[in-house]
């Protein structure tokens, strides 16, 4: 079963609040929810963020709009 970020991130925050190290937290979450739920690197990223005082579990807003490009534009450029 694939778990959403809305399930995994609160668990990371919970582990952080309980002073568990990021790697240990990732291991515990993988043991509970499955091997593909969270990597050590992702756990370290969120723990660094929590350590700065930012305990929101939502993504930060991004600047600008994502770029779009159609296959027609690419083909026109290549010809």
PDB file of N, CA and C in Angstrom:
ATOM      1  N   UNK A   1       0.838  -1.179   0.000  1.00  0.00           N
ATOM      2  CA  UNK A   1       0.000   0.000   0.000  1.00  0.00           C
ATOM      3  C   UNK A   1       0.886   1.247   0.000  1.00  0.00           C
ATOM      4  N   UNK A   2       0.507   2.228  -0.782  1.00  0.00           N
ATOM      5  CA  UNK A   2       1.236   3.479  -0.851  1.00  0.00           C
ATOM      6  C   UNK A   2       0.568   4.484   0.089  1.00  0.00           C
ATOM      7  N   UNK A   3       1.371   5.061   0.973  1.00  0.00           N
ATOM      8  CA  UNK A   3       0.861   6.042   1.923  1.00  0.00           C
ATOM      9  C   UNK A   3       1.202   7.440   1.437  1.00  0.00           C
ATOM     10  N   UNK A   4       0.291   8.358   1.643  1.00  0.00           N
ATOM     11  CA  UNK A   4       0.505   9.724   1.178  1.00  0.00           C
ATOM     12  C   UNK A   4       1.434  10.490   2.118  1.00  0.00           C
ATOM     13  N   UNK A   5       1.891  11.622   1.609  1.00  0.00           N
ATOM     14  CA  UNK A   5       2.738  12.505   2.407  1.00  0.00           C
ATOM     15  C   UNK A   5       1.979  12.990   3.638  1.00  0.00           C
ATOM     16  N   UNK A   6       0.658  13.098   3.513  1.00  0.00           N
ATOM     17  CA  UNK A   6      -0.172  13.561   4.634  1.00  0.00           C
ATOM     18  C   UNK A   6      -0.156  12.569   5.789  1.00  0.00           C
ATOM     19  N   UNK A   7       0.212  11.332   5.538  1.00  0.00           N
ATOM     20  CA  UNK A   7       0.330  10.326   6.593  1.00  0.00           C
ATOM     21  C   UNK A   7       1.763  10.281   7.129  1.00  0.00           C
ATOM     22  N   UNK A   8       2.741  10.338   6.247  1.00  0.00           N
ATOM     23  CA  UNK A   8       4.144  10.153   6.628  1.00  0.00           C
ATOM     24  C   UNK A   8       4.716  11.371   7.349  1.00  0.00           C
ATOM     25  N   UNK A   9       4.452  12.565   6.848  1.00  0.00           N
ATOM     26  CA  UNK A   9       5.050  13.770   7.441  1.00  0.00           C
ATOM     27  C   UNK A   9       4.657  13.997   8.899  1.00  0.00           C
ATOM     28  N   UNK A  10       3.387  13.816   9.274  1.00  0.00           N
ATOM     29  CA  UNK A  10       3.073  13.966  10.704  1.00  0.00           C
ATOM     30  C   UNK A  10       3.823  12.960  11.573  1.00  0.00           C
ATOM     31  N   UNK A  11       4.062  11.777  11.038  1.00  0.00           N
ATOM     32  CA  UNK A  11       4.835  10.781  11.784  1.00  0.00           C
ATOM     33  C   UNK A  11       6.281  11.223  11.951  1.00  0.00           C
ATOM     34  N   UNK A  12       6.835  11.861  10.933  1.00  0.00           N
ATOM     35  CA  UNK A  12       8.188  12.402  11.059  1.00  0.00           C
ATOM     36  C   UNK A  12       8.234  13.488  12.130  1.00  0.00           C
ATOM     37  N   UNK A  13       7.235  14.356  12.139  1.00  0.00           N
ATOM     38  CA  UNK A  13       7.178  15.407  13.152  1.00  0.00           C
ATOM     39  C   UNK A  13       7.036  14.796  14.545  1.00  0.00           C
ATOM     40  N   UNK A  14       6.226  13.765  14.671  1.00  0.00           N
ATOM     41  CA  UNK A  14       6.047  13.075  15.949  1.00  0.00           C
ATOM     42  C   UNK A  14       7.380  12.513  16.446  1.00  0.00           C
ATOM     43  N   UNK A  15       8.097  11.859  15.554  1.00  0.00           N
ATOM     44  CA  UNK A  15       9.391  11.282  15.923  1.00  0.00           C
ATOM     45  C   UNK A  15      10.380  12.390  16.302  1.00  0.00           C
ATOM     46  N   UNK A  16      10.359  13.486  15.560  1.00  0.00           N
ATOM     47  CA  UNK A  16      11.238  14.616  15.869  1.00  0.00           C
ATOM     48  C   UNK A  16      10.944  15.156  17.271  1.00  0.00           C
ATOM     49  N   UNK A  17       9.668  15.327  17.573  1.00  0.00           N
ATOM     50  CA  UNK A  17       9.268  15.852  18.878  1.00  0.00           C
ATOM     51  C   UNK A  17       9.679  14.915  20.009  1.00  0.00           C
ATOM     52  N   UNK A  18       9.788  13.632  19.716  1.00  0.00           N
ATOM     53  CA  UNK A  18      10.205  12.654  20.713  1.00  0.00           C
ATOM     54  C   UNK A  18      11.715  12.448  20.724  1.00  0.00           C
ATOM     55  N   UNK A  19      12.436  13.344  20.052  1.00  0.00           N
ATOM     56  CA  UNK A  19      13.894  13.368  20.036  1.00  0.00           C
ATOM     57  C   UNK A  19      14.534  12.097  19.468  1.00  0.00           C
ATOM     58  N   UNK A  20      13.845  11.503  18.517  1.00  0.00           N
ATOM     59  CA  UNK A  20      14.395  10.350  17.803  1.00  0.00           C
ATOM     60  C   UNK A  20      15.241  10.895  16.655  1.00  0.00           C
ATOM     61  N   UNK A  21      16.356  10.283  16.362  1.00  0.00           N
ATOM     62  CA  UNK A  21      17.191  10.718  15.245  1.00  0.00           C
ATOM     63  C   UNK A  21      16.484  10.427  13.926  1.00  0.00           C
ATOM     64  N   UNK A  22      16.803  11.225  12.910  1.00  0.00           N
ATOM     65  CA  UNK A  22      16.116  11.123  11.618  1.00  0.00           C
ATOM     66  C   UNK A  22      16.207   9.724  11.013  1.00  0.00           C
ATOM     67  N   UNK A  23      17.386   9.126  11.050  1.00  0.00           N
ATOM     68  CA  UNK A  23      17.575   7.795  10.459  1.00  0.00           C
ATOM     69  C   UNK A  23      16.742   6.764  11.205  1.00  0.00           C
ATOM     70  N   UNK A  24      16.733   6.860  12.519  1.00  0.00           N
ATOM     71  CA  UNK A  24      15.929   5.940  13.328  1.00  0.00           C
ATOM     72  C   UNK A  24      14.441   6.152  13.056  1.00  0.00           C
ATOM     73  N   UNK A  25      14.029   7.402  12.899  1.00  0.00           N
ATOM     74  CA  UNK A  25      12.629   7.702  12.603  1.00  0.00           C
ATOM     75  C   UNK A  25      12.220   7.086  11.266  1.00  0.00           C
ATOM     76  N   UNK A  26      13.083   7.235  10.267  1.00  0.00           N
ATOM     77  CA  UNK A  26      12.788   6.661   8.951  1.00  0.00           C
ATOM     78  C   UNK A  26      12.664   5.140   9.052  1.00  0.00           C
ATOM     79  N   UNK A  27      13.556   4.524   9.801  1.00  0.00           N
ATOM     80  CA  UNK A  27      13.498   3.073   9.986  1.00  0.00           C
ATOM     81  C   UNK A  27      12.196   2.657  10.666  1.00  0.00           C
ATOM     82  N   UNK A  28      11.818   3.371  11.708  1.00  0.00           N
ATOM     83  CA  UNK A  28      10.591   3.037  12.432  1.00  0.00           C
ATOM     84  C   UNK A  28       9.360   3.207  11.547  1.00  0.00           C
ATOM     85  N   UNK A  29       9.351   4.266  10.743  1.00  0.00           N
ATOM     86  CA  UNK A  29       8.214   4.494   9.840  1.00  0.00           C
ATOM     87  C   UNK A  29       8.166   3.417   8.767  1.00  0.00           C
ATOM     88  N   UNK A  30       9.322   3.048   8.225  1.00  0.00           N
ATOM     89  CA  UNK A  30       9.340   1.958   7.231  1.00  0.00           C
ATOM     90  C   UNK A  30       8.875   0.647   7.845  1.00  0.00           C
ATOM     91  N   UNK A  31       9.255   0.376   9.089  1.00  0.00           N
ATOM     92  CA  UNK A  31       8.807  -0.850   9.753  1.00  0.00           C
ATOM     93  C   UNK A  31       7.294  -0.858   9.935  1.00  0.00           C
ATOM     94  N   UNK A  32       6.716   0.302  10.204  1.00  0.00           N
ATOM     95  CA  UNK A  32       5.278   0.385  10.436  1.00  0.00           C
ATOM     96  C   UNK A  32       4.469   0.433   9.146  1.00  0.00           C
ATOM     97  N   UNK A  33       4.964   1.172   8.138  1.00  0.00           N
ATOM     98  CA  UNK A  33       4.162   1.426   6.948  1.00  0.00           C
ATOM     99  C   UNK A  33       4.663   0.756   5.678  1.00  0.00           C
ATOM    100  N   UNK A  34       5.883   0.233   5.687  1.00  0.00           N
ATOM    101  CA  UNK A  34       6.407  -0.427   4.501  1.00  0.00           C
ATOM    102  C   UNK A  34       7.705   0.202   4.028  1.00  0.00           C
ATOM    103  N   UNK A  35       8.470  -0.571   3.298  1.00  0.00           N
ATOM    104  CA  UNK A  35       9.815  -0.174   2.878  1.00  0.00           C
ATOM    105  C   UNK A  35       9.860   1.055   1.980  1.00  0.00           C
ATOM    106  N   UNK A  36       8.840   1.304   1.205  1.00  0.00           N
ATOM    107  CA  UNK A  36       8.882   2.404   0.233  1.00  0.00           C
ATOM    108  C   UNK A  36       8.240   3.690   0.735  1.00  0.00           C
ATOM    109  N   UNK A  37       8.079   3.847   2.032  1.00  0.00           N
ATOM    110  CA  UNK A  37       7.356   5.016   2.535  1.00  0.00           C
ATOM    111  C   UNK A  37       8.218   6.250   2.692  1.00  0.00           C
ATOM    112  N   UNK A  38       9.405   6.121   3.253  1.00  0.00           N
ATOM    113  CA  UNK A  38      10.258   7.291   3.471  1.00  0.00           C
ATOM    114  C   UNK A  38      11.719   6.870   3.440  1.00  0.00           C
ATOM    115  N   UNK A  39      12.523   7.670   2.761  1.00  0.00           N
ATOM    116  CA  UNK A  39      13.962   7.379   2.701  1.00  0.00           C
ATOM    117  C   UNK A  39      14.673   8.105   3.839  1.00  0.00           C
ATOM    118  N   UNK A  40      15.887   7.683   4.115  1.00  0.00           N
ATOM    119  CA  UNK A  40      16.697   8.354   5.134  1.00  0.00           C
ATOM    120  C   UNK A  40      16.919   9.820   4.753  1.00  0.00           C
ATOM    121  N   UNK A  41      17.166  10.067   3.486  1.00  0.00           N
ATOM    122  CA  UNK A  41      17.425  11.433   3.017  1.00  0.00           C
ATOM    123  C   UNK A  41      16.213  12.338   3.232  1.00  0.00           C
ATOM    124  N   UNK A  42      15.028  11.834   2.933  1.00  0.00           N
ATOM    125  CA  UNK A  42      13.802  12.621   3.137  1.00  0.00           C
ATOM    126  C   UNK A  42      13.594  12.898   4.623  1.00  0.00           C
ATOM    127  N   UNK A  43      13.829  11.913   5.445  1.00  0.00           N
ATOM    128  CA  UNK A  43      13.694  12.106   6.893  1.00  0.00           C
ATOM    129  C   UNK A  43      14.669  13.168   7.381  1.00  0.00           C
ATOM    130  N   UNK A  44      15.908  13.130   6.902  1.00  0.00           N
ATOM    131  CA  UNK A  44      16.894  14.148   7.293  1.00  0.00           C
ATOM    132  C   UNK A  44      16.459  15.535   6.839  1.00  0.00           C
ATOM    133  N   UNK A  45      15.909  15.645   5.628  1.00  0.00           N
ATOM    134  CA  UNK A  45      15.417  16.935   5.123  1.00  0.00           C
ATOM    135  C   UNK A  45      14.362  17.513   6.063  1.00  0.00           C
ATOM    136  N   UNK A  46      13.374  16.698   6.419  1.00  0.00           N
ATOM    137  CA  UNK A  46      12.293  17.191   7.276  1.00  0.00           C
ATOM    138  C   UNK A  46      12.790  17.489   8.682  1.00  0.00           C
ATOM    139  N   UNK A  47      13.694  16.700   9.194  1.00  0.00           N
ATOM    140  CA  UNK A  47      14.235  16.980  10.533  1.00  0.00           C
ATOM    141  C   UNK A  47      15.020  18.289  10.539  1.00  0.00           C
ATOM    142  N   UNK A  48      15.793  18.572   9.492  1.00  0.00           N
ATOM    143  CA  UNK A  48      16.502  19.854   9.405  1.00  0.00           C
ATOM    144  C   UNK A  48      15.498  21.003   9.400  1.00  0.00           C
ATOM    145  N   UNK A  49      14.422  20.827   8.669  1.00  0.00           N
ATOM    146  CA  UNK A  49      13.382  21.857   8.595  1.00  0.00           C
ATOM    147  C   UNK A  49      12.720  22.061   9.961  1.00  0.00           C
ATOM    148  N   UNK A  50      12.380  20.972  10.627  1.00  0.00           N
ATOM    149  CA  UNK A  50      11.761  21.072  11.950  1.00  0.00           C
ATOM    150  C   UNK A  50      12.716  21.735  12.947  1.00  0.00           C
ATOM    151  N   UNK A  51      13.992  21.449  12.810  1.00  0.00           N
ATOM    152  CA  UNK A  51      14.985  21.987  13.740  1.00  0.00           C
ATOM    153  C   UNK A  51      15.082  23.512  13.655  1.00  0.00           C
ATOM    154  N   UNK A  52      14.766  24.077  12.493  1.00  0.00           N
ATOM    155  CA  UNK A  52      14.786  25.539  12.332  1.00  0.00           C
ATOM    156  C   UNK A  52      13.568  26.199  12.961  1.00  0.00           C
ATOM    157  N   UNK A  53      12.625  25.389  13.429  1.00  0.00           N
ATOM    158  CA  UNK A  53      11.412  25.933  14.025  1.00  0.00           C
ATOM    159  C   UNK A  53      10.208  25.866  13.107  1.00  0.00           C
ATOM    160  N   UNK A  54      10.428  25.505  11.855  1.00  0.00           N
ATOM    161  CA  UNK A  54       9.331  25.374  10.901  1.00  0.00           C
ATOM    162  C   UNK A  54       8.741  23.971  11.032  1.00  0.00           C
ATOM    163  N   UNK A  55       7.628  23.868  11.715  1.00  0.00           N
ATOM    164  CA  UNK A  55       7.023  22.561  11.946  1.00  0.00           C
ATOM    165  C   UNK A  55       5.790  22.318  11.089  1.00  0.00           C
ATOM    166  N   UNK A  56       5.622  23.112  10.037  1.00  0.00           N
ATOM    167  CA  UNK A  56       4.528  22.833   9.114  1.00  0.00           C
ATOM    168  C   UNK A  56       4.909  21.617   8.281  1.00  0.00           C
ATOM    169  N   UNK A  57       3.923  20.837   7.930  1.00  0.00           N
ATOM    170  CA  UNK A  57       4.191  19.623   7.158  1.00  0.00           C
ATOM    171  C   UNK A  57       3.782  19.780   5.694  1.00  0.00           C
ATOM    172  N   UNK A  58       3.434  21.002   5.324  1.00  0.00           N
ATOM    173  CA  UNK A  58       3.072  21.295   3.939  1.00  0.00           C
ATOM    174  C   UNK A  58       4.305  21.750   3.175  1.00  0.00           C
ATOM    175  N   UNK A  59       4.284  21.597   1.866  1.00  0.00           N
ATOM    176  CA  UNK A  59       5.370  22.093   1.028  1.00  0.00           C
ATOM    177  C   UNK A  59       5.389  23.613   1.076  1.00  0.00           C
ATOM    178  N   UNK A  60       6.558  24.186   0.958  1.00  0.00           N
ATOM    179  CA  UNK A  60       6.683  25.636   0.878  1.00  0.00           C
ATOM    180  C   UNK A  60       6.155  26.103  -0.472  1.00  0.00           C
ATOM    181  N   UNK A  61       5.507  27.268  -0.506  1.00  0.00           N
ATOM    182  CA  UNK A  61       5.056  27.781  -1.813  1.00  0.00           C
ATOM    183  C   UNK A  61       6.256  28.063  -2.716  1.00  0.00           C
ATOM    184  N   UNK A  62       6.065  27.867  -3.981  1.00  0.00           N
ATOM    185  CA  UNK A  62       7.153  28.076  -4.934  1.00  0.00           C
ATOM    186  C   UNK A  62       6.913  29.351  -5.728  1.00  0.00           C
ATOM    187  N   UNK A  63       7.985  29.908  -6.204  1.00  0.00           N
ATOM    188  CA  UNK A  63       7.931  31.129  -6.981  1.00  0.00           C
ATOM    189  C   UNK A  63       7.594  30.799  -8.423  1.00  0.00           C
ATOM    190  N   UNK A  64       6.691  31.538  -8.998  1.00  0.00           N
ATOM    191  CA  UNK A  64       6.408  31.409 -10.420  1.00  0.00           C
ATOM    192  C   UNK A  64       5.568  30.206 -10.786  1.00  0.00           C
ATOM    193  N   UNK A  65       5.280  30.114 -12.034  1.00  0.00           N
ATOM    194  CA  UNK A  65       4.450  29.058 -12.580  1.00  0.00           C
ATOM    195  C   UNK A  65       5.328  28.027 -13.255  1.00  0.00           C
ATOM    196  N   UNK A  66       4.973  26.741 -13.148  1.00  0.00           N
ATOM    197  CA  UNK A  66       5.790  25.733 -13.830  1.00  0.00           C
ATOM    198  C   UNK A  66       5.756  25.947 -15.346  1.00  0.00           C
ATOM    199  N   UNK A  67       6.870  25.699 -15.977  1.00  0.00           N
ATOM    200  CA  UNK A  67       6.941  25.865 -17.418  1.00  0.00           C
ATOM    201  C   UNK A  67       6.143  24.799 -18.151  1.00  0.00           C
ATOM    202  N   UNK A  68       5.626  25.177 -19.292  1.00  0.00           N
ATOM    203  CA  UNK A  68       4.901  24.229 -20.133  1.00  0.00           C
ATOM    204  C   UNK A  68       5.485  24.293 -21.530  1.00  0.00           C
ATOM    205  N   UNK A  69       5.488  23.189 -22.178  1.00  0.00           N
ATOM    206  CA  UNK A  69       6.008  23.124 -23.533  1.00  0.00           C
ATOM    207  C   UNK A  69       5.327  21.962 -24.243  1.00  0.00           C
ATOM    208  N   UNK A  70       4.837  22.223 -25.437  1.00  0.00           N
ATOM    209  CA  UNK A  70       4.172  21.160 -26.181  1.00  0.00           C
ATOM    210  C   UNK A  70       5.175  20.427 -27.063  1.00  0.00           C
ATOM    211  N   UNK A  71       4.818  19.242 -27.476  1.00  0.00           N
ATOM    212  CA  UNK A  71       5.678  18.475 -28.375  1.00  0.00           C
ATOM    213  C   UNK A  71       5.860  19.199 -29.703  1.00  0.00           C
ATOM    214  N   UNK A  72       4.821  19.947 -30.117  1.00  0.00           N
ATOM    215  CA  UNK A  72       4.909  20.690 -31.385  1.00  0.00           C
ATOM    216  C   UNK A  72       6.011  21.732 -31.319  1.00  0.00           C
ATOM    217  N   UNK A  73       6.127  22.426 -30.219  1.00  0.00           N
ATOM    218  CA  UNK A  73       7.166  23.440 -30.070  1.00  0.00           C
ATOM    219  C   UNK A  73       8.556  22.795 -30.097  1.00  0.00           C
ATOM    220  N   UNK A  74       8.674  21.657 -29.473  1.00  0.00           N
ATOM    221  CA  UNK A  74       9.959  20.959 -29.444  1.00  0.00           C
ATOM    222  C   UNK A  74      10.321  20.475 -30.847  1.00  0.00           C
ATOM    223  N   UNK A  75       9.354  19.883 -31.529  1.00  0.00           N
ATOM    224  CA  UNK A  75       9.616  19.389 -32.885  1.00  0.00           C
ATOM    225  C   UNK A  75       9.975  20.528 -33.839  1.00  0.00           C
ATOM    226  N   UNK A  76       9.300  21.675 -33.685  1.00  0.00           N
ATOM    227  CA  UNK A  76       9.584  22.834 -34.524  1.00  0.00           C
ATOM    228  C   UNK A  76      11.015  23.330 -34.305  1.00  0.00           C
ATOM    229  N   UNK A  77      11.450  23.296 -33.056  1.00  0.00           N
ATOM    230  CA  UNK A  77      12.797  23.733 -32.716  1.00  0.00           C
ATOM    231  C   UNK A  77      13.853  22.786 -33.276  1.00  0.00           C
ATOM    232  N   UNK A  78      13.553  21.493 -33.285  1.00  0.00           N
ATOM    233  CA  UNK A  78      14.517  20.502 -33.736  1.00  0.00           C
ATOM    234  C   UNK A  78      14.669  20.465 -35.251  1.00  0.00           C
ATOM    235  N   UNK A  79      13.674  20.953 -35.969  1.00  0.00           N
ATOM    236  CA  UNK A  79      13.713  20.883 -37.450  1.00  0.00           C
ATOM    237  C   UNK A  79      14.500  21.977 -38.044  1.00  0.00           C
TER     238      UNK A  79
END
